[in-house]
Protein backbone atom coordinates (compact mmCIF):
# COMPACT_ATOMS: atom_id res chain seq x y z
CA UNK A 1 -0.01 -0.04 0.02
CA UNK A 2 1.46 3.43 -0.86
CA UNK A 3 1.98 5.88 1.97
CA UNK A 4 -0.06 8.69 2.64
CA UNK A 5 1.04 12.27 3.25
CA UNK A 6 -0.85 14.05 6.09
CA UNK A 7 -3.86 11.70 5.63
CA UNK A 8 -4.16 13.17 2.06
CA UNK A 9 -3.85 11.19 -1.26
CA UNK A 10 -1.44 8.33 -1.31
CA UNK A 11 2.32 9.73 -1.81
CA UNK A 12 4.21 8.38 -4.50
CA UNK A 13 7.82 7.03 -4.28
CA UNK A 14 10.57 8.31 -6.48
CA UNK A 15 10.43 5.20 -8.43
CA UNK A 16 6.81 5.33 -8.99
CA UNK A 17 6.93 9.03 -10.14
CA UNK A 18 9.58 8.21 -12.68
CA UNK A 19 7.73 5.34 -13.94
CA UNK A 20 4.59 7.55 -14.46
CA UNK A 21 6.54 10.33 -16.01
CA UNK A 22 8.61 8.29 -18.46
CA UNK A 23 5.76 7.38 -20.94
CA UNK A 24 4.43 10.94 -21.00
CA UNK A 25 7.87 12.42 -22.00
CA UNK A 26 8.30 9.72 -24.54
CA UNK A 27 4.99 10.48 -26.07
CA UNK A 28 6.12 14.16 -26.18
CA UNK A 29 9.18 13.08 -28.51
CA UNK A 30 11.71 13.38 -25.81
CA UNK A 31 14.64 10.96 -26.18
CA UNK A 32 15.94 9.09 -23.17
CA UNK A 33 12.74 9.71 -21.53
CA UNK A 34 13.28 7.67 -18.47
CA UNK A 35 16.66 9.53 -17.64
CA UNK A 36 14.81 12.84 -18.16
CA UNK A 37 12.09 11.73 -15.81
CA UNK A 38 14.68 10.90 -13.13
CA UNK A 39 16.24 14.41 -13.56
CA UNK A 40 12.84 16.06 -13.24
CA UNK A 41 11.93 14.11 -10.15
CA UNK A 42 15.37 15.08 -8.57
CA UNK A 43 14.94 18.69 -9.63
CA UNK A 44 11.46 18.86 -8.07
CA UNK A 45 12.78 17.06 -4.75
CA UNK A 46 15.83 19.19 -4.57
CA UNK A 47 18.14 16.15 -4.68
CA UNK A 48 20.84 14.82 -6.80
CA UNK A 49 19.70 12.52 -9.78
CA UNK A 50 21.87 9.79 -8.12
CA UNK A 51 19.61 9.88 -5.15
CA UNK A 52 16.39 9.13 -7.16
CA UNK A 53 18.23 6.18 -8.75
CA UNK A 54 19.78 4.85 -5.55
CA UNK A 55 16.84 5.28 -3.24
CA UNK A 56 13.54 4.80 -5.58
CA UNK A 57 11.54 4.05 -2.41
CA UNK A 58 11.91 7.59 -1.03
CA UNK A 59 8.49 9.46 -1.03
CA UNK A 60 7.40 12.85 -2.47
CA UNK A 61 5.55 15.26 -0.40
CA UNK A 62 2.76 17.37 -1.57
CA UNK A 63 5.01 20.38 -2.36
CA UNK A 64 7.30 18.24 -4.37
CA UNK A 65 4.43 16.71 -6.31
CA UNK A 66 3.09 20.24 -7.10
CA UNK A 67 6.52 21.29 -8.22
CA UNK A 68 6.95 18.06 -10.26
CA UNK A 69 3.63 18.56 -12.15
CA UNK A 70 4.81 22.05 -13.36
CA UNK A 71 8.18 20.89 -14.41
CA UNK A 72 6.74 17.82 -16.33
CA UNK A 73 4.17 20.06 -17.98
CA UNK A 74 7.04 22.48 -19.23
CA UNK A 75 9.26 19.63 -20.20
CA UNK A 76 6.41 17.83 -22.10
CA UNK A 77 5.93 21.17 -24.00
CA UNK A 78 9.73 20.68 -24.96
CA UNK A 79 11.31 23.45 -22.72
CA UNK A 80 14.87 22.21 -22.20
CA UNK A 81 15.85 20.69 -18.96
CA UNK A 82 18.61 23.29 -18.54
CA UNK A 83 15.97 26.13 -18.92
CA UNK A 84 14.05 24.37 -16.13
CA UNK A 85 17.00 24.09 -13.95
CA UNK A 86 18.20 27.43 -14.75
CA UNK A 87 21.74 26.14 -15.10
CA UNK A 88 24.25 24.48 -17.36
CA UNK A 89 27.65 22.90 -17.00
CA UNK A 90 30.22 24.21 -19.51
CA UNK A 91 34.03 23.62 -19.25
CA UNK A 92 33.31 21.86 -15.94
CA UNK A 93 31.94 25.09 -14.60
CA UNK A 94 28.42 25.93 -13.51
CA UNK A 95 26.57 28.75 -15.39
CA UNK A 96 23.29 30.27 -14.70
CA UNK A 97 20.96 30.83 -17.71
CA UNK A 98 18.28 33.42 -18.43
CA UNK A 99 15.83 33.81 -21.30
CA UNK A 100 18.24 36.09 -23.04
CA UNK A 101 21.13 33.55 -23.07
CA UNK A 102 21.86 30.64 -25.21
CA UNK A 103 22.01 27.28 -23.54
CA UNK A 104 25.87 26.60 -23.87
CA UNK A 105 26.54 23.42 -26.01
CA UNK A 106 29.32 21.02 -25.47
CA UNK A 107 30.37 21.67 -29.21
CA UNK A 108 31.33 25.33 -28.05
CA UNK A 109 34.01 23.98 -25.77
CA UNK A 110 35.95 23.23 -29.16
CA UNK A 111 36.66 26.98 -29.20
CA UNK A 112 38.28 27.05 -25.72
CA UNK A 113 40.48 24.08 -26.67
CA UNK A 114 41.43 25.78 -29.83
CA UNK A 115 42.28 29.19 -28.12
CA UNK A 116 44.37 27.31 -25.42
CA UNK A 117 46.19 25.31 -27.97
CA UNK A 118 47.24 28.64 -29.73
CA UNK A 119 48.41 30.41 -26.47
CA UNK A 120 52.02 29.57 -25.75
CA UNK A 121 52.15 31.51 -22.25
CA UNK A 122 49.04 30.87 -20.34
CA UNK A 123 50.44 33.17 -17.52
CA UNK A 124 50.64 36.25 -19.73
CA UNK A 125 48.64 39.32 -19.01
CA UNK A 126 46.34 38.85 -22.03
CA UNK A 127 43.29 41.02 -22.95
CA UNK A 128 40.30 39.01 -24.03
CA UNK A 129 37.32 40.05 -25.70
CA UNK A 130 34.12 38.04 -26.22
CA UNK A 131 31.59 39.38 -28.69
CA UNK A 132 27.98 38.30 -28.17
CA UNK A 133 28.89 36.82 -24.75
CA UNK A 134 25.55 35.52 -23.55
CA UNK A 135 25.96 33.71 -20.44
CA UNK A 136 29.67 34.64 -20.44
CA UNK A 137 30.53 30.95 -20.73
CA UNK A 138 33.26 31.31 -23.31
CA UNK A 139 35.10 34.21 -21.86
CA UNK A 140 34.90 32.84 -18.32
CA UNK A 141 36.07 29.32 -19.25
CA UNK A 142 39.06 30.86 -20.93
CA UNK A 143 39.73 33.17 -17.91
CA UNK A 144 39.49 30.11 -15.63
CA UNK A 145 42.61 28.63 -17.45
CA UNK A 146 44.62 32.02 -17.95
CA UNK A 147 45.31 33.44 -14.30
CA UNK A 148 46.62 36.66 -15.36
CA UNK A 149 44.26 37.56 -18.24
CA UNK A 150 41.49 40.13 -18.06
CA UNK A 151 38.33 39.88 -20.28
CA UNK A 152 35.48 42.05 -21.67
CA UNK A 153 32.27 40.55 -22.71
CA UNK A 154 29.73 42.37 -25.07
CA UNK A 155 26.13 41.60 -25.54
CA UNK A 156 23.27 43.41 -27.36
CA UNK A 157 20.80 42.10 -24.66
CA UNK A 158 20.94 43.70 -21.13
CA UNK A 159 19.59 40.45 -19.52
CA UNK A 160 22.57 38.58 -20.97
CA UNK A 161 25.06 40.95 -19.71
CA UNK A 162 23.54 40.79 -16.24
CA UNK A 163 23.57 37.05 -16.04
CA UNK A 164 27.18 36.97 -17.27
CA UNK A 165 28.09 39.30 -14.38
CA UNK A 166 26.33 37.00 -12.06
CA UNK A 167 28.22 33.98 -13.39
CA UNK A 168 31.57 35.89 -13.10
CA UNK A 169 30.89 36.46 -9.51
CA UNK A 170 29.80 32.97 -8.71
CA UNK A 171 33.03 31.64 -10.21
CA UNK A 172 35.38 33.91 -8.40
CA UNK A 173 36.13 35.95 -11.66
CA UNK A 174 34.47 39.20 -11.38
CA UNK A 175 37.72 41.06 -10.76
CA UNK A 176 39.00 39.91 -14.06
CA UNK A 177 35.90 40.38 -16.22
CA UNK A 178 33.78 43.21 -17.28
CA UNK A 179 30.35 42.83 -19.15
CA UNK A 180 28.79 45.55 -21.04
CA UNK A 181 25.79 46.11 -23.40
CA UNK A 182 26.54 47.08 -26.97
CA UNK A 183 26.46 46.07 -30.67
CA UNK A 184 29.54 43.93 -31.11
CA UNK A 185 32.68 45.97 -30.44
CA UNK A 186 31.60 49.33 -31.61
CA UNK A 187 32.19 51.00 -28.23
CA UNK A 188 35.52 49.51 -27.64
CA UNK A 189 39.07 50.23 -28.55
CA UNK A 190 41.83 47.61 -28.92
CA UNK A 191 44.11 46.12 -29.07
CA UNK A 192 42.92 42.75 -27.98
CA UNK A 193 45.14 39.65 -27.72
CA UNK A 194 42.16 37.21 -28.12
CA UNK A 195 38.72 37.68 -29.60
CA UNK A 196 36.14 35.10 -29.31
CA UNK A 197 32.61 34.90 -30.66
CA UNK A 198 29.81 32.43 -31.09
CA UNK A 199 27.59 34.55 -33.25
CA UNK A 200 24.07 33.80 -34.60
CA UNK A 201 24.79 31.65 -37.74
CA UNK A 202 21.50 30.01 -38.56
CA UNK A 203 19.65 30.93 -41.70
CA UNK A 204 16.48 32.94 -40.70
CA UNK A 205 13.99 30.56 -42.70
CA UNK A 206 15.47 27.49 -41.04
CA UNK A 207 14.82 28.56 -37.34
CA UNK A 208 11.40 27.29 -37.10
CA UNK A 209 12.41 23.93 -38.39
CA UNK A 210 14.84 23.23 -35.60
CA UNK A 211 14.12 20.92 -32.45
CA UNK A 212 11.40 22.61 -30.39
CA UNK A 213 13.82 22.99 -27.46
CA UNK A 214 15.84 25.44 -29.76
CA UNK A 215 13.33 27.09 -32.06
CA UNK A 216 10.85 27.83 -29.20
CA UNK A 217 13.06 28.59 -26.21
CA UNK A 218 16.37 29.89 -27.35
CA UNK A 219 16.51 33.66 -27.80
CA UNK A 220 15.95 34.29 -31.47
CA UNK A 221 18.56 37.15 -31.60
CA UNK A 222 21.22 34.66 -30.58
CA UNK A 223 20.35 32.21 -33.59
CA UNK A 224 19.27 34.38 -36.46
CA UNK A 225 22.14 34.93 -38.92
CA UNK A 226 20.05 36.48 -41.61
CA UNK A 227 18.97 35.07 -44.99
CA UNK A 228 22.42 33.21 -45.48
CA UNK A 229 23.44 32.86 -41.85
CA UNK A 230 26.54 35.15 -42.40
CA UNK A 231 25.22 38.48 -41.28
CA UNK A 232 26.99 38.43 -37.99
CA UNK A 233 30.31 37.35 -39.44
CA UNK A 234 30.23 40.29 -41.98
CA UNK A 235 30.07 42.55 -38.79
CA UNK A 236 32.64 40.76 -36.96
CA UNK A 237 35.13 40.86 -39.86
CA UNK A 238 35.47 44.56 -39.64
CA UNK A 239 35.36 44.72 -35.91
CA UNK A 240 38.11 42.08 -35.64
CA UNK A 241 40.42 43.91 -38.05
CA UNK A 242 39.98 46.94 -35.95
CA UNK A 243 40.45 45.55 -32.52
CA UNK A 244 42.66 42.50 -32.87
CA UNK A 245 46.55 43.04 -32.02
CA UNK A 246 48.69 42.33 -34.93
CA UNK A 247 50.06 39.05 -33.14
CA UNK A 248 46.63 38.16 -31.67
CA UNK A 249 44.12 35.50 -32.45
CA UNK A 250 40.45 35.50 -33.18
CA UNK A 251 38.20 32.46 -32.89
CA UNK A 252 34.74 32.17 -34.38
CA UNK A 253 32.20 29.29 -33.84
CA UNK A 254 30.79 28.04 -37.04
CA UNK A 255 27.57 26.46 -38.21
CA UNK A 256 28.04 23.20 -40.16
CA UNK A 257 29.27 23.99 -43.77
CA UNK A 258 30.18 27.59 -43.15
CA UNK A 259 33.93 27.51 -42.89
CA UNK A 260 34.86 28.44 -46.40
CA UNK A 261 32.23 31.33 -46.55
CA UNK A 262 33.33 32.86 -43.26
CA UNK A 263 37.09 32.45 -44.09
CA UNK A 264 36.44 34.25 -47.36
CA UNK A 265 34.63 37.06 -45.48
CA UNK A 266 37.61 37.47 -42.95
CA UNK A 267 40.17 37.40 -45.71
CA UNK A 268 38.27 40.07 -47.69
CA UNK A 269 39.08 42.59 -44.98
CA UNK A 270 42.62 41.64 -44.60
CA UNK A 271 42.62 39.05 -41.91
CA UNK A 272 44.31 35.75 -42.38
CA UNK A 273 42.26 32.57 -41.93
CA UNK A 274 44.67 29.85 -40.26
CA UNK A 275 42.66 26.86 -40.36
CA UNK A 276 39.63 25.30 -38.49
CA UNK A 277 39.23 22.97 -35.44
CA UNK A 278 36.72 20.14 -35.68
CA UNK A 279 34.37 19.19 -32.92
CA UNK A 280 33.56 15.56 -31.71
CA UNK A 281 31.21 15.13 -34.51
CA UNK A 282 34.03 15.98 -37.04
CA UNK A 283 32.20 19.28 -38.04
CA UNK A 284 34.40 22.29 -38.67
CA UNK A 285 33.27 24.08 -35.60
CA UNK A 286 35.80 26.91 -35.09
CA UNK A 287 37.57 29.19 -37.61
CA UNK A 288 41.08 30.62 -36.29
CA UNK A 289 42.03 34.01 -37.63
CA UNK A 290 45.03 36.26 -37.29
CA UNK A 291 46.10 39.66 -38.65
CA UNK A 292 48.60 40.10 -41.47
């Protein structure tokens, strides 16, 4: 017999809640539905997912049931788990998200790897610039590896800059990072040793065909690259030429199949494309650029 909570309806165990939620998530088209059900039960209960897996007999109280019902409805509507949790791990660091920031993807860690491979002295007092910073994940991840570097993050959306500041503070990097609202680097002066950017690069007409987690819940301004997906790179080419130190490097995240076109845009303003870095799916994910 199921236990009762304060003489109310029988309370469910963690295991029963997971079992009930799994088919609902599967019917909504969510892959790994049982795993996601465990994550939602853990989030509602305020415990680690391992607790749900290891102690399935633990019971949910009424407040947890209410919270779980809300979370389940949102996830069944395809709101991403990271949005429900309000957090995402990136480069083994914990980042808060907001409606105005992209949900950082593991593919973007390729940019950090490429930058670190190109920096011969990780203790140098480098100046870093992250254009379109969002949650600040790129800039803050790189700063976490460069003890004497200082970084500036710029975003068009005030809410993104605010959450990036919050992330810098929570990671102990606030004294080495400044976040500001602006259009790319227009209000800044160089020179910068490293420029990073994960700009909008999806063709406008394709956004609505993306997975619901992306099309419905990611900020459109962070996705929409214009008719050909290259509008942001056109702006970034000129800004990079103006702001990058002659011996500095710039690294741009790319959409699949965009490497040749973006390299041509950079070369067209006098920058030197120096190759790409592939992600774990063997997609050219990062373009590396220097100045002549």
